[in-house]
Amino acid sequence: MIDKNLLKKQCLKYDVQLTNDQIDCLDKFADMLVEWNKKFNLTAITEPTQIVYKHFIDSLLVLKAVELKNNASLADIGTGAGFPSTPISIVRRDVEVTQIDSLRKRVGFLQHVSDNFHLKIRTIHGRAEELGKKDEYREQFDYVTARAVAPLQKLSEYCLPLVKIGGFFIAMKGSEYEVEVDDSKKAIDVLGGQIEKIKNFELPDSSARNIILIKKISRTPTKYPRNSGKISKKPI
């Protein structure tokens, strides 16, 4: 499916070293993604090289932006077809991943992938703003990731309530991230977060990937997260 040598070579440019088993697993994942995409609209990216660049390398840059601690818990909000969390799980099998998506067909695909590769992943059909109110999930994760879900100001309310104090919300953003950061400063502060650093990358196709690391320094007030309508219409 994918050019395995291309994947290995390009990853090395970011100092991401993959084993042959990991590369084989990612290749099979790409096969599954394209096959299931014929029946379900999982992703607009199905060309092999673009899968390598836009899905796999992009996802694995999270491992360069932050050093995930051993056996960490990570929740991926609005995970879609499993990015960035499935490639992370393939490379870091010790990390306990929770994938959350509101569309059942995506969750079915993700469960199929997890079962086939014996990954340490649980898949949940649900919404972050609802799970963030439940004790089972609220402030229970070392890391929470999200890629292309919503503007950072709104995304923070979905994600920060799920992060443990001392943990990190890892927001993956494109070239316009600076405006989003400025707009979200109040929300991040209110929700108990603090921007620690921003890592800037350029993907092999020259597109920008900026990863914003937001540390959880205090508890999120119990009134948050609000329902999605309020988050959308009246962001913090």
Protein backbone atom coordinates (compact mmCIF):
# COMPACT_ATOMS: atom_id res chain seq x y z
CA MET A 1 0.00 0.00 0.00
CA ILE A 2 2.42 2.69 1.18
CA ASP A 3 6.08 3.10 0.25
CA LYS A 4 7.70 1.69 3.38
CA ASN A 5 11.13 3.07 2.52
CA LEU A 6 9.64 6.53 2.08
CA LEU A 7 8.00 6.33 5.49
CA LYS A 8 11.20 5.18 7.17
CA LYS A 9 13.37 7.76 5.40
CA GLN A 10 11.05 10.68 6.08
CA CYS A 11 10.58 9.74 9.72
CA LEU A 12 14.34 9.70 10.22
CA LYS A 13 14.44 13.36 9.14
CA TYR A 14 12.44 14.10 12.30
CA ASP A 15 14.55 11.68 14.36
CA VAL A 16 11.66 9.23 14.60
CA GLN A 17 13.06 5.72 14.28
CA LEU A 18 10.62 2.97 13.34
CA THR A 19 11.17 -0.78 13.52
CA ASN A 20 10.26 -3.01 10.60
CA ASP A 21 7.34 -4.39 12.60
CA GLN A 22 6.00 -0.87 13.23
CA ILE A 23 6.33 0.01 9.54
CA ASP A 24 4.53 -3.20 8.54
CA CYS A 25 1.77 -2.41 11.00
CA LEU A 26 1.34 1.13 9.66
CA ASP A 27 1.25 -0.26 6.12
CA LYS A 28 -1.56 -2.66 7.05
CA PHE A 29 -3.38 0.15 8.83
CA ALA A 30 -3.23 2.17 5.60
CA ASP A 31 -4.73 -0.79 3.73
CA MET A 32 -7.60 -1.02 6.20
CA LEU A 33 -8.17 2.73 6.08
CA VAL A 34 -8.49 2.79 2.29
CA GLU A 35 -10.65 -0.34 2.18
CA TRP A 36 -13.08 0.83 4.85
CA ASN A 37 -13.16 4.28 3.29
CA LYS A 38 -14.87 2.77 0.25
CA LYS A 39 -17.91 2.08 2.46
CA PHE A 40 -17.62 4.82 5.05
CA ASN A 41 -16.37 8.39 4.74
CA LEU A 42 -13.44 8.14 7.13
CA THR A 43 -10.89 10.44 5.47
CA ALA A 44 -10.35 12.53 2.36
CA ILE A 45 -6.70 11.44 2.29
CA THR A 46 -6.29 8.07 0.58
CA GLU A 47 -3.31 8.56 -1.76
CA PRO A 48 -0.40 6.48 -0.36
CA THR A 49 2.20 9.26 -0.16
CA GLN A 50 -0.29 11.65 1.40
CA ILE A 51 -1.20 8.99 3.98
CA VAL A 52 2.49 8.81 4.89
CA TYR A 53 2.86 12.59 5.13
CA LYS A 54 -0.52 13.86 6.34
CA HIS A 55 -1.55 10.98 8.58
CA PHE A 56 1.44 8.98 9.77
CA ILE A 57 4.29 11.49 10.02
CA ASP A 58 1.92 14.21 11.19
CA SER A 59 0.65 11.97 13.98
CA LEU A 60 4.10 10.82 15.05
CA LEU A 61 5.31 14.41 15.41
CA VAL A 62 3.41 14.38 18.71
CA LEU A 63 6.17 12.11 20.01
CA LYS A 64 8.72 14.80 19.10
CA ALA A 65 6.71 17.63 20.63
CA VAL A 66 6.32 15.95 24.02
CA GLU A 67 8.06 13.02 25.67
CA LEU A 68 5.16 10.79 26.69
CA LYS A 69 5.91 9.15 30.01
CA ASN A 70 5.91 5.36 30.24
CA ASN A 71 2.48 3.72 30.52
CA ALA A 72 0.79 7.10 30.16
CA SER A 73 -2.92 7.50 29.54
CA LEU A 74 -3.89 9.44 26.42
CA ALA A 75 -7.32 10.45 25.13
CA ASP A 76 -7.80 11.44 21.50
CA ILE A 77 -10.83 13.72 21.05
CA GLY A 78 -12.70 13.62 17.75
CA THR A 79 -10.22 11.01 16.63
CA GLY A 80 -11.93 10.43 13.28
CA ALA A 81 -10.06 7.66 11.46
CA GLY A 82 -7.63 7.36 14.39
CA PHE A 83 -5.23 10.27 14.08
CA PRO A 84 -2.98 10.98 15.83
CA SER A 85 -3.63 8.21 18.36
CA THR A 86 -3.46 5.00 16.29
CA PRO A 87 0.04 5.65 14.87
CA ILE A 88 1.12 6.70 18.38
CA SER A 89 -0.24 3.45 19.79
CA ILE A 90 1.53 1.40 17.12
CA VAL A 91 4.88 3.03 17.96
CA ARG A 92 4.34 3.37 21.74
CA ARG A 93 2.53 0.19 22.77
CA ASP A 94 2.88 1.02 26.45
CA VAL A 95 0.59 4.06 26.18
CA GLU A 96 -3.04 3.43 27.16
CA VAL A 97 -5.11 5.16 24.49
CA THR A 98 -8.77 6.15 24.62
CA GLN A 99 -10.24 7.15 21.26
CA ILE A 100 -13.41 9.24 21.40
CA ASP A 101 -15.62 10.00 18.42
CA SER A 102 -19.26 10.94 17.98
CA LEU A 103 -19.83 8.81 14.85
CA ARG A 104 -20.47 5.12 15.45
CA LYS A 105 -19.14 4.02 12.03
CA ARG A 106 -15.75 5.51 12.87
CA VAL A 107 -15.72 3.82 16.25
CA GLY A 108 -16.44 0.49 14.53
CA PHE A 109 -13.46 0.98 12.24
CA LEU A 110 -11.19 1.98 15.12
CA GLN A 111 -12.20 -1.07 17.14
CA HIS A 112 -11.47 -3.29 14.14
CA VAL A 113 -7.98 -1.79 13.81
CA SER A 114 -7.28 -2.10 17.53
CA ASP A 115 -8.43 -5.74 17.63
CA ASN A 116 -6.36 -6.70 14.58
CA PHE A 117 -3.14 -5.16 15.87
CA HIS A 118 -3.72 -5.97 19.55
CA LEU A 119 -3.25 -2.33 20.52
CA LYS A 120 -3.80 -0.93 24.00
CA ILE A 121 -6.77 1.12 22.82
CA ARG A 122 -10.35 1.47 23.98
CA THR A 123 -12.81 3.13 21.64
CA ILE A 124 -15.74 5.19 22.88
CA HIS A 125 -18.75 6.39 20.96
CA GLY A 126 -19.46 9.68 22.67
CA ARG A 127 -18.87 13.41 22.94
CA ALA A 128 -16.07 15.03 24.91
CA GLU A 129 -18.39 17.61 26.51
CA GLU A 130 -20.52 14.80 27.95
CA LEU A 131 -17.64 12.58 29.05
CA GLY A 132 -15.96 15.56 30.70
CA LYS A 133 -18.81 15.67 33.23
CA LYS A 134 -18.38 12.03 34.26
CA ASP A 135 -16.05 11.01 37.09
CA GLU A 136 -14.74 8.10 35.03
CA TYR A 137 -13.19 10.49 32.53
CA ARG A 138 -12.97 13.93 34.12
CA GLU A 139 -9.35 14.84 34.88
CA GLN A 140 -8.27 11.23 34.37
CA PHE A 141 -5.80 11.47 31.47
CA ASP A 142 -2.09 12.32 31.41
CA TYR A 143 -2.47 13.64 27.86
CA VAL A 144 -5.37 14.67 25.66
CA THR A 145 -4.87 15.19 21.94
CA ALA A 146 -7.04 16.73 19.23
CA ARG A 147 -6.37 17.37 15.56
CA ALA A 148 -8.49 19.67 13.38
CA VAL A 149 -11.60 19.47 15.58
CA ALA A 150 -12.41 23.11 16.39
CA PRO A 151 -10.73 26.50 17.00
CA LEU A 152 -8.48 26.38 20.07
CA GLN A 153 -10.73 28.67 22.11
CA LYS A 154 -13.59 26.14 21.85
CA LEU A 155 -11.40 23.06 21.70
CA SER A 156 -9.89 23.88 25.09
CA GLU A 157 -13.30 23.51 26.74
CA TYR A 158 -13.76 20.08 25.18
CA CYS A 159 -10.30 18.84 26.13
CA LEU A 160 -8.93 20.48 29.30
CA PRO A 161 -11.64 19.07 31.62
CA LEU A 162 -10.33 15.59 30.77
CA VAL A 163 -6.67 16.34 31.60
CA LYS A 164 -5.17 15.49 34.98
CA ILE A 165 -3.50 18.26 36.94
CA GLY A 166 0.10 18.14 35.79
CA GLY A 167 -0.92 16.59 32.47
CA PHE A 168 -1.04 18.15 29.03
CA PHE A 169 -3.53 19.06 26.37
CA ILE A 170 -1.74 18.61 23.03
CA ALA A 171 -3.43 20.70 20.34
CA MET A 172 -2.38 20.11 16.72
CA LYS A 173 -2.81 23.23 14.61
CA GLY A 174 -1.92 24.55 11.16
CA SER A 175 -0.35 27.75 9.93
CA GLU A 176 -2.89 30.14 11.51
CA TYR A 177 -2.20 28.96 15.05
CA GLU A 178 -1.02 32.34 16.39
CA VAL A 179 -4.45 33.92 15.99
CA GLU A 180 -6.07 30.92 17.68
CA VAL A 181 -3.62 31.13 20.58
CA ASP A 182 -4.40 34.82 21.13
CA ASP A 183 -8.14 34.18 21.03
CA SER A 184 -7.94 31.27 23.47
CA LYS A 185 -5.81 32.71 26.29
CA LYS A 186 -8.77 33.57 28.52
CA ALA A 187 -10.43 30.20 28.00
CA ILE A 188 -7.25 28.27 28.74
CA ASP A 189 -6.72 30.24 31.96
CA VAL A 190 -10.33 29.81 33.13
CA LEU A 191 -10.22 26.06 32.43
CA GLY A 192 -7.07 25.55 34.49
CA GLY A 193 -4.49 25.47 31.75
CA GLN A 194 -1.31 27.29 30.85
CA ILE A 195 0.48 27.29 27.52
CA GLU A 196 3.89 25.82 28.19
CA LYS A 197 5.42 25.76 24.71
CA ILE A 198 4.66 25.59 21.01
CA LYS A 199 6.58 23.26 18.72
CA ASN A 200 6.77 24.22 15.04
CA PHE A 201 7.25 21.61 12.32
CA GLU A 202 7.13 21.44 8.54
CA LEU A 203 5.74 18.28 6.97
CA PRO A 204 7.50 16.74 3.94
CA ASP A 205 4.97 18.42 1.62
CA SER A 206 5.97 21.81 3.14
CA SER A 207 2.70 22.27 5.04
CA ALA A 208 2.90 23.56 8.60
CA ARG A 209 2.18 21.62 11.76
CA ASN A 210 2.25 23.53 15.04
CA ILE A 211 1.77 21.60 18.25
CA ILE A 212 0.63 23.59 21.27
CA LEU A 213 1.38 22.07 24.67
CA ILE A 214 -0.99 23.29 27.36
CA LYS A 215 -0.24 22.17 30.90
CA LYS A 216 -3.08 21.59 33.35
CA ILE A 217 -2.11 23.57 36.45
CA SER A 218 -5.42 23.72 38.35
CA ARG A 219 -8.80 22.01 38.41
CA THR A 220 -11.37 22.92 35.81
CA PRO A 221 -14.39 24.66 37.41
CA THR A 222 -17.34 22.29 37.69
CA LYS A 223 -19.52 24.37 35.34
CA TYR A 224 -17.28 23.31 32.46
CA PRO A 225 -17.56 21.75 29.96
CA ARG A 226 -20.90 23.23 28.93
CA ASN A 227 -23.04 21.67 26.21
CA SER A 228 -21.83 21.95 22.63
CA GLY A 229 -24.37 24.63 21.73
CA LYS A 230 -23.10 26.98 24.41
CA ILE A 231 -19.46 26.23 23.61
CA SER A 232 -20.12 27.08 19.98
CA LYS A 233 -22.32 30.15 20.43
CA LYS A 234 -20.64 31.69 23.47
CA PRO A 235 -16.99 30.56 23.80
CA ILE A 236 -15.19 31.53 26.98
